[in-house]
């Protein structure tokens, strides 16, 4: 009989898709608003591993056991049952650095990124958008904001 004790970790045995995939966006967005979207923060140095045990940002114990054919990436959907979803976040993932021209531009840019549910890391006078898909997709979305806010794209990391 399978161990179903409350102390057993949630087994994550497959990458179901990418958070940026259109078929996942609405489902994950709805769960996020219900507080049922959890993230597993995985150090970039461990992202090639197939097996590890971690806790989500909400403290849920998880055990990752992927097949050799699958690999972890930032934004990988690792669990979804309609009531809960777990997505990987690779620390050290690629970023797009933005520098707003003024405080007003920074507020508009921050609001824009928030509405798109982009993960952002703020620094002195800049904001780094953590990429979970092709950089061109982010740049295309930012082009829609050019009439409302002035900002520079400083570098791609």
Foldseek 3Di string as FASTA:
>chain_A
DDDPDPPDAAEQEEQPAFCPDPVNVVLQVVLVVVVQEWEWEAELVCQADQWDWGATPVGGTYIGHYDPVDTADFRGWRDDDSNHTYGYHYPVAKKWKKAFPDPQLVVVVVVLCVVVVFDWDDDVRMIITHDRDDVVVVVVSVVVCVVPTDMDGDDID
